[in-house]
Amino acid sequence: MPYIDGFLIAVPKKNVDAYRKISRKAGEIWREFGALDYREAVADDVQVGKVTSFPRAVKMKPDETVIFAYILYKSRKDRDRINKKVMADPRLAKMMTPDAMPFDGKRMIFGGFKTIVDV
């Protein structure tokens, strides 16, 4: 079954275009090393919930929006192999410096997920 890395990020609205540029380059690197799919999406119909929600999860500020993203791999083994290569790639390291990132990386939520349904 496929394996998925998922991400949730708060990005200042004024930085969405800058984030998109970095994200596109990062996605190209992941795909180059073997990821099957790389998607990033900006909130469109996302409300702040009374108890939980995407905005609450990332402690979204009034001038920010939420980005939901995922990377699809053939397997966990492929994901681990690909991520090792990606993390060692100097192109990504250059984009991931605190000065280059157009968002607060401390509020990024991420994790790996086993697929349980694939329709």
N, C-alpha and C. Protein backbone atom coordinates (compact mmCIF):
# COMPACT_ATOMS: atom_id res chain seq x y z
N MET A 1 0.84 -1.19 0.00
CA MET A 1 0.00 0.00 0.00
C MET A 1 0.88 1.25 0.00
N PRO A 2 0.41 2.31 -0.64
CA PRO A 2 1.17 3.57 -0.65
C PRO A 2 1.37 4.13 0.76
N TYR A 3 2.39 4.96 0.89
CA TYR A 3 2.71 5.62 2.15
C TYR A 3 2.64 7.13 1.91
N ILE A 4 2.19 7.87 2.91
CA ILE A 4 1.95 9.31 2.75
C ILE A 4 2.62 10.09 3.87
N ASP A 5 3.32 11.16 3.51
CA ASP A 5 3.75 12.16 4.47
C ASP A 5 2.76 13.30 4.36
N GLY A 6 2.21 13.73 5.50
CA GLY A 6 1.25 14.82 5.51
C GLY A 6 1.79 16.02 6.27
N PHE A 7 1.37 17.21 5.86
CA PHE A 7 1.85 18.46 6.44
C PHE A 7 0.70 19.45 6.59
N LEU A 8 0.77 20.25 7.64
CA LEU A 8 -0.17 21.34 7.87
C LEU A 8 0.67 22.53 8.32
N ILE A 9 0.50 23.67 7.64
CA ILE A 9 1.36 24.83 7.87
C ILE A 9 0.52 26.10 7.88
N ALA A 10 0.86 27.04 8.76
CA ALA A 10 0.28 28.38 8.73
C ALA A 10 1.24 29.27 7.95
N VAL A 11 0.73 29.93 6.91
CA VAL A 11 1.56 30.81 6.08
C VAL A 11 0.93 32.20 6.05
N PRO A 12 1.72 33.25 6.30
CA PRO A 12 1.16 34.60 6.16
C PRO A 12 0.59 34.78 4.75
N LYS A 13 -0.59 35.36 4.66
CA LYS A 13 -1.24 35.53 3.35
C LYS A 13 -0.34 36.26 2.37
N LYS A 14 0.41 37.24 2.86
CA LYS A 14 1.30 38.01 1.97
C LYS A 14 2.46 37.15 1.44
N ASN A 15 2.70 35.99 2.04
CA ASN A 15 3.82 35.13 1.63
C ASN A 15 3.40 33.90 0.83
N VAL A 16 2.12 33.80 0.49
CA VAL A 16 1.65 32.60 -0.21
C VAL A 16 2.36 32.43 -1.55
N ASP A 17 2.57 33.50 -2.31
CA ASP A 17 3.26 33.35 -3.60
C ASP A 17 4.70 32.90 -3.41
N ALA A 18 5.39 33.46 -2.42
CA ALA A 18 6.77 33.05 -2.13
C ALA A 18 6.78 31.58 -1.69
N TYR A 19 5.80 31.20 -0.87
CA TYR A 19 5.70 29.81 -0.42
C TYR A 19 5.48 28.89 -1.61
N ARG A 20 4.61 29.30 -2.52
CA ARG A 20 4.30 28.49 -3.70
C ARG A 20 5.58 28.23 -4.52
N LYS A 21 6.41 29.23 -4.68
CA LYS A 21 7.64 29.07 -5.45
C LYS A 21 8.57 28.05 -4.79
N ILE A 22 8.75 28.17 -3.49
CA ILE A 22 9.60 27.23 -2.75
C ILE A 22 8.99 25.83 -2.81
N SER A 23 7.69 25.75 -2.63
CA SER A 23 6.99 24.46 -2.63
C SER A 23 7.14 23.77 -3.98
N ARG A 24 7.00 24.52 -5.06
CA ARG A 24 7.13 23.93 -6.40
C ARG A 24 8.54 23.35 -6.58
N LYS A 25 9.56 24.09 -6.16
CA LYS A 25 10.94 23.59 -6.28
C LYS A 25 11.14 22.35 -5.41
N ALA A 26 10.61 22.39 -4.19
CA ALA A 26 10.74 21.23 -3.29
C ALA A 26 10.03 20.02 -3.90
N GLY A 27 8.85 20.23 -4.44
CA GLY A 27 8.11 19.15 -5.06
C GLY A 27 8.87 18.52 -6.22
N GLU A 28 9.54 19.36 -7.00
CA GLU A 28 10.34 18.83 -8.11
C GLU A 28 11.47 17.95 -7.60
N ILE A 29 12.07 18.35 -6.48
CA ILE A 29 13.15 17.54 -5.89
C ILE A 29 12.60 16.20 -5.41
N TRP A 30 11.47 16.24 -4.68
CA TRP A 30 10.88 14.98 -4.19
C TRP A 30 10.53 14.06 -5.36
N ARG A 31 9.93 14.62 -6.40
CA ARG A 31 9.56 13.79 -7.56
C ARG A 31 10.80 13.24 -8.26
N GLU A 32 11.84 14.07 -8.35
CA GLU A 32 13.09 13.63 -8.98
C GLU A 32 13.66 12.40 -8.28
N PHE A 33 13.52 12.35 -6.95
CA PHE A 33 14.06 11.23 -6.20
C PHE A 33 13.08 10.07 -6.04
N GLY A 34 11.87 10.18 -6.61
CA GLY A 34 10.99 9.03 -6.65
C GLY A 34 9.62 9.14 -6.01
N ALA A 35 9.28 10.28 -5.40
CA ALA A 35 7.93 10.42 -4.86
C ALA A 35 6.92 10.29 -6.00
N LEU A 36 5.80 9.65 -5.74
CA LEU A 36 4.78 9.43 -6.77
C LEU A 36 3.93 10.67 -7.01
N ASP A 37 3.70 11.45 -5.94
CA ASP A 37 2.85 12.65 -6.05
C ASP A 37 3.28 13.63 -4.97
N TYR A 38 3.11 14.90 -5.26
CA TYR A 38 3.44 15.97 -4.31
C TYR A 38 2.37 17.04 -4.50
N ARG A 39 1.59 17.29 -3.46
CA ARG A 39 0.49 18.26 -3.55
C ARG A 39 0.54 19.24 -2.39
N GLU A 40 0.24 20.50 -2.69
CA GLU A 40 0.11 21.54 -1.68
C GLU A 40 -1.17 22.30 -2.01
N ALA A 41 -1.97 22.58 -1.00
CA ALA A 41 -3.24 23.26 -1.22
C ALA A 41 -3.44 24.33 -0.15
N VAL A 42 -3.99 25.47 -0.58
CA VAL A 42 -4.26 26.57 0.35
C VAL A 42 -5.72 26.51 0.78
N ALA A 43 -5.97 26.88 2.03
CA ALA A 43 -7.34 26.84 2.57
C ALA A 43 -8.29 27.66 1.72
N ASP A 44 -9.46 27.10 1.47
CA ASP A 44 -10.49 27.77 0.69
C ASP A 44 -11.81 27.78 1.46
N ASP A 45 -12.17 26.65 2.03
CA ASP A 45 -13.41 26.51 2.80
C ASP A 45 -13.05 25.88 4.14
N VAL A 46 -12.33 26.63 4.96
CA VAL A 46 -11.81 26.13 6.23
C VAL A 46 -12.22 27.11 7.33
N GLN A 47 -13.04 26.64 8.24
CA GLN A 47 -13.52 27.49 9.33
C GLN A 47 -12.75 27.21 10.61
N VAL A 48 -12.69 28.20 11.48
CA VAL A 48 -12.10 28.00 12.81
C VAL A 48 -13.15 27.29 13.65
N GLY A 49 -12.83 26.11 14.12
CA GLY A 49 -13.78 25.33 14.91
C GLY A 49 -13.83 25.79 16.35
N LYS A 50 -14.89 25.39 17.05
CA LYS A 50 -15.02 25.74 18.47
C LYS A 50 -14.03 24.98 19.33
N VAL A 51 -13.70 23.75 18.92
CA VAL A 51 -12.77 22.93 19.70
C VAL A 51 -11.51 22.61 18.89
N THR A 52 -11.71 22.06 17.69
CA THR A 52 -10.58 21.70 16.83
C THR A 52 -10.85 22.17 15.41
N SER A 53 -9.79 22.38 14.67
CA SER A 53 -9.89 22.73 13.25
C SER A 53 -8.47 22.87 12.70
N PHE A 54 -8.36 22.96 11.40
CA PHE A 54 -7.05 23.19 10.80
C PHE A 54 -6.44 24.50 11.31
N PRO A 55 -7.19 25.61 11.32
CA PRO A 55 -6.60 26.86 11.84
C PRO A 55 -6.13 26.74 13.29
N ARG A 56 -6.90 26.08 14.13
CA ARG A 56 -6.51 25.92 15.53
C ARG A 56 -5.27 25.03 15.66
N ALA A 57 -5.18 24.02 14.83
CA ALA A 57 -4.06 23.08 14.91
C ALA A 57 -2.72 23.78 14.71
N VAL A 58 -2.68 24.76 13.80
CA VAL A 58 -1.42 25.47 13.51
C VAL A 58 -1.34 26.83 14.19
N LYS A 59 -2.30 27.10 15.09
CA LYS A 59 -2.35 28.39 15.80
C LYS A 59 -2.32 29.55 14.81
N MET A 60 -3.19 29.46 13.80
CA MET A 60 -3.25 30.44 12.73
C MET A 60 -3.57 31.83 13.27
N LYS A 61 -2.82 32.81 12.80
CA LYS A 61 -3.04 34.21 13.16
C LYS A 61 -3.98 34.85 12.14
N PRO A 62 -4.58 35.99 12.46
CA PRO A 62 -5.55 36.62 11.54
C PRO A 62 -5.01 36.92 10.14
N ASP A 63 -3.72 37.18 10.02
CA ASP A 63 -3.14 37.51 8.71
C ASP A 63 -2.57 36.29 8.00
N GLU A 64 -2.91 35.09 8.46
CA GLU A 64 -2.37 33.86 7.89
C GLU A 64 -3.47 33.01 7.26
N THR A 65 -3.03 32.03 6.49
CA THR A 65 -3.90 31.01 5.94
C THR A 65 -3.26 29.65 6.20
N VAL A 66 -4.01 28.60 5.94
CA VAL A 66 -3.51 27.24 6.19
C VAL A 66 -3.16 26.58 4.86
N ILE A 67 -2.02 25.90 4.86
CA ILE A 67 -1.60 25.08 3.73
C ILE A 67 -1.67 23.63 4.18
N PHE A 68 -2.33 22.80 3.39
CA PHE A 68 -2.39 21.36 3.61
C PHE A 68 -1.59 20.71 2.49
N ALA A 69 -0.71 19.79 2.82
CA ALA A 69 0.14 19.20 1.80
C ALA A 69 0.36 17.71 2.07
N TYR A 70 0.67 16.99 1.00
CA TYR A 70 1.05 15.59 1.18
C TYR A 70 2.00 15.16 0.07
N ILE A 71 2.79 14.16 0.41
CA ILE A 71 3.70 13.53 -0.54
C ILE A 71 3.36 12.04 -0.54
N LEU A 72 3.18 11.47 -1.72
CA LEU A 72 2.79 10.07 -1.86
C LEU A 72 3.99 9.25 -2.32
N TYR A 73 4.17 8.12 -1.67
CA TYR A 73 5.27 7.20 -1.98
C TYR A 73 4.72 5.80 -2.24
N LYS A 74 5.51 4.98 -2.89
CA LYS A 74 5.11 3.59 -3.14
C LYS A 74 4.99 2.81 -1.84
N SER A 75 5.91 3.09 -0.88
CA SER A 75 5.93 2.35 0.38
C SER A 75 6.68 3.15 1.43
N ARG A 76 6.64 2.69 2.67
CA ARG A 76 7.42 3.33 3.74
C ARG A 76 8.91 3.22 3.44
N LYS A 77 9.32 2.08 2.92
CA LYS A 77 10.72 1.88 2.58
C LYS A 77 11.17 2.90 1.53
N ASP A 78 10.35 3.10 0.50
CA ASP A 78 10.66 4.11 -0.52
C ASP A 78 10.69 5.50 0.09
N ARG A 79 9.74 5.79 0.95
CA ARG A 79 9.70 7.11 1.60
C ARG A 79 10.98 7.38 2.37
N ASP A 80 11.43 6.40 3.15
CA ASP A 80 12.64 6.60 3.94
C ASP A 80 13.86 6.81 3.04
N ARG A 81 13.94 6.04 1.96
CA ARG A 81 15.05 6.17 1.01
C ARG A 81 15.02 7.53 0.32
N ILE A 82 13.84 7.92 -0.15
CA ILE A 82 13.68 9.20 -0.87
C ILE A 82 13.96 10.37 0.06
N ASN A 83 13.40 10.35 1.26
CA ASN A 83 13.60 11.47 2.19
C ASN A 83 15.07 11.62 2.58
N LYS A 84 15.79 10.52 2.69
CA LYS A 84 17.21 10.60 3.00
C LYS A 84 17.94 11.36 1.90
N LYS A 85 17.61 11.07 0.65
CA LYS A 85 18.24 11.77 -0.49
C LYS A 85 17.81 13.24 -0.53
N VAL A 86 16.52 13.48 -0.33
CA VAL A 86 16.01 14.85 -0.38
C VAL A 86 16.66 15.71 0.71
N MET A 87 16.72 15.19 1.92
CA MET A 87 17.28 15.96 3.03
C MET A 87 18.77 16.23 2.86
N ALA A 88 19.46 15.42 2.07
CA ALA A 88 20.89 15.62 1.80
C ALA A 88 21.12 16.53 0.59
N ASP A 89 20.07 16.86 -0.13
CA ASP A 89 20.20 17.65 -1.35
C ASP A 89 20.46 19.12 -1.01
N PRO A 90 21.53 19.71 -1.53
CA PRO A 90 21.84 21.11 -1.21
C PRO A 90 20.80 22.10 -1.72
N ARG A 91 20.05 21.74 -2.75
CA ARG A 91 18.99 22.64 -3.24
C ARG A 91 17.92 22.83 -2.18
N LEU A 92 17.55 21.75 -1.50
CA LEU A 92 16.53 21.86 -0.45
C LEU A 92 17.08 22.58 0.77
N ALA A 93 18.31 22.26 1.14
CA ALA A 93 18.93 22.91 2.31
C ALA A 93 18.94 24.42 2.14
N LYS A 94 19.20 24.87 0.94
CA LYS A 94 19.23 26.31 0.65
C LYS A 94 17.85 26.95 0.86
N MET A 95 16.79 26.21 0.52
CA MET A 95 15.42 26.73 0.65
C MET A 95 14.91 26.69 2.08
N MET A 96 15.48 25.83 2.91
CA MET A 96 14.93 25.58 4.24
C MET A 96 15.63 26.36 5.36
N THR A 97 16.44 27.34 5.03
CA THR A 97 17.04 28.16 6.07
C THR A 97 15.95 29.04 6.68
N PRO A 98 16.08 29.41 7.94
CA PRO A 98 15.05 30.27 8.56
C PRO A 98 14.78 31.56 7.79
N ASP A 99 15.80 32.13 7.19
CA ASP A 99 15.61 33.37 6.42
C ASP A 99 14.86 33.14 5.12
N ALA A 100 14.99 31.95 4.54
CA ALA A 100 14.36 31.66 3.26
C ALA A 100 12.91 31.19 3.40
N MET A 101 12.56 30.60 4.54
CA MET A 101 11.21 30.05 4.70
C MET A 101 10.20 31.17 4.95
N PRO A 102 9.16 31.24 4.14
CA PRO A 102 8.15 32.30 4.31
C PRO A 102 7.03 31.91 5.29
N PHE A 103 7.36 31.12 6.30
CA PHE A 103 6.39 30.71 7.30
C PHE A 103 7.15 30.32 8.57
N ASP A 104 6.41 30.15 9.65
CA ASP A 104 6.99 29.77 10.94
C ASP A 104 7.06 28.25 11.02
N GLY A 105 8.25 27.71 10.78
CA GLY A 105 8.43 26.26 10.76
C GLY A 105 8.14 25.58 12.09
N LYS A 106 8.17 26.34 13.18
CA LYS A 106 7.89 25.74 14.50
C LYS A 106 6.43 25.32 14.63
N ARG A 107 5.56 25.89 13.79
CA ARG A 107 4.14 25.53 13.87
C ARG A 107 3.73 24.54 12.79
N MET A 108 4.70 24.01 12.06
CA MET A 108 4.38 23.00 11.05
C MET A 108 4.04 21.69 11.75
N ILE A 109 2.98 21.05 11.28
CA ILE A 109 2.59 19.73 11.78
C ILE A 109 2.86 18.75 10.65
N PHE A 110 3.52 17.65 10.96
CA PHE A 110 3.84 16.69 9.90
C PHE A 110 3.94 15.29 10.47
N GLY A 111 3.80 14.32 9.60
CA GLY A 111 3.93 12.94 10.03
C GLY A 111 3.74 11.99 8.86
N GLY A 112 4.12 10.74 9.09
CA GLY A 112 3.97 9.69 8.09
C GLY A 112 2.76 8.83 8.37
N PHE A 113 2.07 8.41 7.30
CA PHE A 113 0.82 7.67 7.44
C PHE A 113 0.79 6.44 6.55
N LYS A 114 0.35 5.32 7.15
CA LYS A 114 0.10 4.10 6.39
C LYS A 114 -1.26 4.23 5.73
N THR A 115 -1.35 3.86 4.48
CA THR A 115 -2.64 3.88 3.79
C THR A 115 -3.51 2.73 4.30
N ILE A 116 -4.77 3.02 4.62
CA ILE A 116 -5.69 1.96 5.04
C ILE A 116 -6.83 1.78 4.04
N VAL A 117 -7.05 2.77 3.17
CA VAL A 117 -8.05 2.66 2.11
C VAL A 117 -7.46 3.27 0.85
N ASP A 118 -7.54 2.57 -0.26
CA ASP A 118 -7.03 3.05 -1.55
C ASP A 118 -8.06 2.67 -2.59
N VAL A 119 -8.95 3.57 -2.94
CA VAL A 119 -10.04 3.29 -3.87
C VAL A 119 -9.70 3.81 -5.25
